[in-house]
Amino acid sequence: MSIDKDYLLVITSAEIGAGAPDLGAKLAEVFFGVLAESPSRPAKMIFLNSGILLTTAGSPAEDQLKKLEEEGTEISSCITCLTYFDRMEKVVVGERSNMKETVSSLAGFKKVVTI
């Protein structure tokens, strides 16, 4: 396992893909499970919009995200998004961050992947 210091992963939804919401939620859970077991992991993950639901209480990916964080991936959730979804006090993994930090991260990483 290694952290790719050049790799930023941006998650913009609690589901992966468009279509069936229950399938999208399952895909997100499986995705983070596979990512937690992969040999190369992102240095940072930023959760925006409904993606913050994955870092708060009731997340189907809580265990996988905690494993990623414990092994060195920085996880942050958008404060504006947490406020919008009334989840500010329900963060279970990672830190809260503002848009200034998000913009700085987007400009500072060489490899940015958005899902």
C-alpha atoms as a PDB file:
ATOM      1  CA  MET A   1       0.000   0.000   0.000  1.00  0.00           C
ATOM      2  CA  SER A   2       1.245   3.448  -0.867  1.00  0.00           C
ATOM      3  CA  ILE A   3      -0.136   6.934  -0.976  1.00  0.00           C
ATOM      4  CA  ASP A   4       0.144   8.705  -4.339  1.00  0.00           C
ATOM      5  CA  LYS A   5       1.041  12.238  -3.240  1.00  0.00           C
ATOM      6  CA  ASP A   6       0.003  13.609  -6.644  1.00  0.00           C
ATOM      7  CA  TYR A   7      -3.503  12.064  -6.640  1.00  0.00           C
ATOM      8  CA  LEU A   8      -6.632  13.937  -5.522  1.00  0.00           C
ATOM      9  CA  LEU A   9     -10.026  12.222  -5.714  1.00  0.00           C
ATOM     10  CA  VAL A  10     -13.114  14.463  -5.731  1.00  0.00           C
ATOM     11  CA  ILE A  11     -16.455  12.825  -4.915  1.00  0.00           C
ATOM     12  CA  THR A  12     -19.490  14.887  -5.924  1.00  0.00           C
ATOM     13  CA  SER A  13     -22.320  12.471  -5.167  1.00  0.00           C
ATOM     14  CA  ALA A  14     -23.314   9.820  -2.654  1.00  0.00           C
ATOM     15  CA  GLU A  15     -23.942   7.537  -5.624  1.00  0.00           C
ATOM     16  CA  ILE A  16     -21.796   6.455  -8.541  1.00  0.00           C
ATOM     17  CA  GLY A  17     -23.394   6.825 -11.949  1.00  0.00           C
ATOM     18  CA  ALA A  18     -26.819   7.953 -13.026  1.00  0.00           C
ATOM     19  CA  GLY A  19     -29.952   5.877 -13.030  1.00  0.00           C
ATOM     20  CA  ALA A  20     -31.034   3.617 -10.188  1.00  0.00           C
ATOM     21  CA  PRO A  21     -30.175   5.354  -6.871  1.00  0.00           C
ATOM     22  CA  ASP A  22     -29.946   2.077  -4.929  1.00  0.00           C
ATOM     23  CA  LEU A  23     -27.480   0.684  -7.475  1.00  0.00           C
ATOM     24  CA  GLY A  24     -25.465   3.928  -7.339  1.00  0.00           C
ATOM     25  CA  ALA A  25     -25.235   3.676  -3.538  1.00  0.00           C
ATOM     26  CA  LYS A  26     -24.069   0.064  -3.767  1.00  0.00           C
ATOM     27  CA  LEU A  27     -21.476   0.997  -6.404  1.00  0.00           C
ATOM     28  CA  ALA A  28     -20.122   3.730  -4.103  1.00  0.00           C
ATOM     29  CA  GLU A  29     -19.789   1.264  -1.236  1.00  0.00           C
ATOM     30  CA  VAL A  30     -18.009  -1.283  -3.436  1.00  0.00           C
ATOM     31  CA  PHE A  31     -15.792   1.397  -5.011  1.00  0.00           C
ATOM     32  CA  PHE A  32     -14.417   2.586  -1.669  1.00  0.00           C
ATOM     33  CA  GLY A  33     -13.923  -1.013  -0.535  1.00  0.00           C
ATOM     34  CA  VAL A  34     -11.821  -1.759  -3.604  1.00  0.00           C
ATOM     35  CA  LEU A  35      -9.958   1.550  -3.261  1.00  0.00           C
ATOM     36  CA  ALA A  36      -9.149   0.729   0.385  1.00  0.00           C
ATOM     37  CA  GLU A  37      -7.533  -2.507  -0.794  1.00  0.00           C
ATOM     38  CA  SER A  38      -5.714  -1.089  -3.821  1.00  0.00           C
ATOM     39  CA  PRO A  39      -1.920  -0.764  -3.773  1.00  0.00           C
ATOM     40  CA  SER A  40      -1.994   2.958  -4.663  1.00  0.00           C
ATOM     41  CA  ARG A  41      -4.368   5.327  -2.914  1.00  0.00           C
ATOM     42  CA  PRO A  42      -5.108   9.034  -3.254  1.00  0.00           C
ATOM     43  CA  ALA A  43      -3.335  11.464  -0.960  1.00  0.00           C
ATOM     44  CA  LYS A  44      -6.581  13.357  -0.504  1.00  0.00           C
ATOM     45  CA  MET A  45     -10.294  12.929  -1.093  1.00  0.00           C
ATOM     46  CA  ILE A  46     -12.684  15.874  -1.141  1.00  0.00           C
ATOM     47  CA  PHE A  47     -16.413  15.237  -0.736  1.00  0.00           C
ATOM     48  CA  LEU A  48     -18.774  17.803  -2.264  1.00  0.00           C
ATOM     49  CA  ASN A  49     -22.536  18.137  -2.723  1.00  0.00           C
ATOM     50  CA  SER A  50     -24.347  14.904  -1.746  1.00  0.00           C
ATOM     51  CA  GLY A  51     -20.951  13.178  -1.636  1.00  0.00           C
ATOM     52  CA  ILE A  52     -20.709  14.412   1.966  1.00  0.00           C
ATOM     53  CA  LEU A  53     -23.387  11.884   2.871  1.00  0.00           C
ATOM     54  CA  LEU A  54     -20.634   9.275   2.532  1.00  0.00           C
ATOM     55  CA  THR A  55     -18.567  10.907   5.319  1.00  0.00           C
ATOM     56  CA  THR A  56     -21.438  11.335   7.774  1.00  0.00           C
ATOM     57  CA  ALA A  57     -23.492   9.111  10.070  1.00  0.00           C
ATOM     58  CA  GLY A  58     -25.282   6.328   8.245  1.00  0.00           C
ATOM     59  CA  SER A  59     -22.767   6.123   5.394  1.00  0.00           C
ATOM     60  CA  PRO A  60     -22.582   2.712   3.711  1.00  0.00           C
ATOM     61  CA  ALA A  61     -18.879   3.408   3.082  1.00  0.00           C
ATOM     62  CA  GLU A  62     -17.932   4.531   6.610  1.00  0.00           C
ATOM     63  CA  ASP A  63     -15.671   1.557   7.382  1.00  0.00           C
ATOM     64  CA  GLN A  64     -13.871   1.735   4.036  1.00  0.00           C
ATOM     65  CA  LEU A  65     -13.304   5.495   4.343  1.00  0.00           C
ATOM     66  CA  LYS A  66     -12.027   5.150   7.912  1.00  0.00           C
ATOM     67  CA  LYS A  67      -9.537   2.533   6.705  1.00  0.00           C
ATOM     68  CA  LEU A  68      -8.318   4.862   3.949  1.00  0.00           C
ATOM     69  CA  GLU A  69      -7.944   7.702   6.451  1.00  0.00           C
ATOM     70  CA  GLU A  70      -6.105   5.519   8.977  1.00  0.00           C
ATOM     71  CA  GLU A  71      -3.661   4.513   6.266  1.00  0.00           C
ATOM     72  CA  GLY A  72      -2.842   8.082   5.250  1.00  0.00           C
ATOM     73  CA  THR A  73      -5.472   9.452   2.882  1.00  0.00           C
ATOM     74  CA  GLU A  74      -6.688  12.897   3.935  1.00  0.00           C
ATOM     75  CA  ILE A  75     -10.490  13.153   3.793  1.00  0.00           C
ATOM     76  CA  SER A  76     -12.399  16.422   3.799  1.00  0.00           C
ATOM     77  CA  SER A  77     -16.041  17.402   3.493  1.00  0.00           C
ATOM     78  CA  CYS A  78     -17.383  20.714   2.222  1.00  0.00           C
ATOM     79  CA  ILE A  79     -18.734  22.882   5.057  1.00  0.00           C
ATOM     80  CA  THR A  80     -21.300  24.536   2.772  1.00  0.00           C
ATOM     81  CA  CYS A  81     -22.557  21.101   1.703  1.00  0.00           C
ATOM     82  CA  LEU A  82     -22.650  19.801   5.276  1.00  0.00           C
ATOM     83  CA  THR A  83     -24.712  22.828   6.269  1.00  0.00           C
ATOM     84  CA  TYR A  84     -27.072  22.451   3.305  1.00  0.00           C
ATOM     85  CA  PHE A  85     -27.787  18.791   4.129  1.00  0.00           C
ATOM     86  CA  ASP A  86     -27.900  19.540   7.903  1.00  0.00           C
ATOM     87  CA  ARG A  87     -25.015  17.106   8.523  1.00  0.00           C
ATOM     88  CA  MET A  88     -22.433  19.428  10.137  1.00  0.00           C
ATOM     89  CA  GLU A  89     -22.526  17.599  13.465  1.00  0.00           C
ATOM     90  CA  LYS A  90     -22.759  14.137  11.906  1.00  0.00           C
ATOM     91  CA  VAL A  91     -19.299  13.838  10.318  1.00  0.00           C
ATOM     92  CA  VAL A  92     -17.870  10.404  11.198  1.00  0.00           C
ATOM     93  CA  VAL A  93     -14.753  10.388   9.038  1.00  0.00           C
ATOM     94  CA  GLY A  94     -12.393  13.128   7.911  1.00  0.00           C
ATOM     95  CA  GLU A  95     -12.378  16.861   8.522  1.00  0.00           C
ATOM     96  CA  ARG A  96     -14.574  19.753   7.518  1.00  0.00           C
ATOM     97  CA  SER A  97     -13.136  22.108   4.897  1.00  0.00           C
ATOM     98  CA  ASN A  98     -14.071  25.261   3.065  1.00  0.00           C
ATOM     99  CA  MET A  99     -14.108  26.116  -0.627  1.00  0.00           C
ATOM    100  CA  LYS A 100     -10.832  28.035  -0.355  1.00  0.00           C
ATOM    101  CA  GLU A 101      -9.107  24.803   0.715  1.00  0.00           C
ATOM    102  CA  THR A 102     -10.873  22.895  -2.080  1.00  0.00           C
ATOM    103  CA  VAL A 103      -9.743  25.357  -4.754  1.00  0.00           C
ATOM    104  CA  SER A 104      -6.209  25.274  -3.381  1.00  0.00           C
ATOM    105  CA  SER A 105      -6.176  21.469  -3.513  1.00  0.00           C
ATOM    106  CA  LEU A 106      -7.537  21.402  -7.063  1.00  0.00           C
ATOM    107  CA  ALA A 107      -4.742  23.730  -8.158  1.00  0.00           C
ATOM    108  CA  GLY A 108      -2.039  21.931  -6.182  1.00  0.00           C
ATOM    109  CA  PHE A 109      -2.437  18.307  -7.247  1.00  0.00           C
ATOM    110  CA  LYS A 110      -1.041  16.947 -10.521  1.00  0.00           C
ATOM    111  CA  LYS A 111      -3.686  14.240 -10.921  1.00  0.00           C
ATOM    112  CA  VAL A 112      -7.315  15.138 -10.103  1.00  0.00           C
ATOM    113  CA  VAL A 113     -10.042  12.550 -10.642  1.00  0.00           C
ATOM    114  CA  THR A 114     -13.719  13.412 -10.133  1.00  0.00           C
ATOM    115  CA  ILE A 115     -16.467  10.846  -9.642  1.00  0.00           C
END
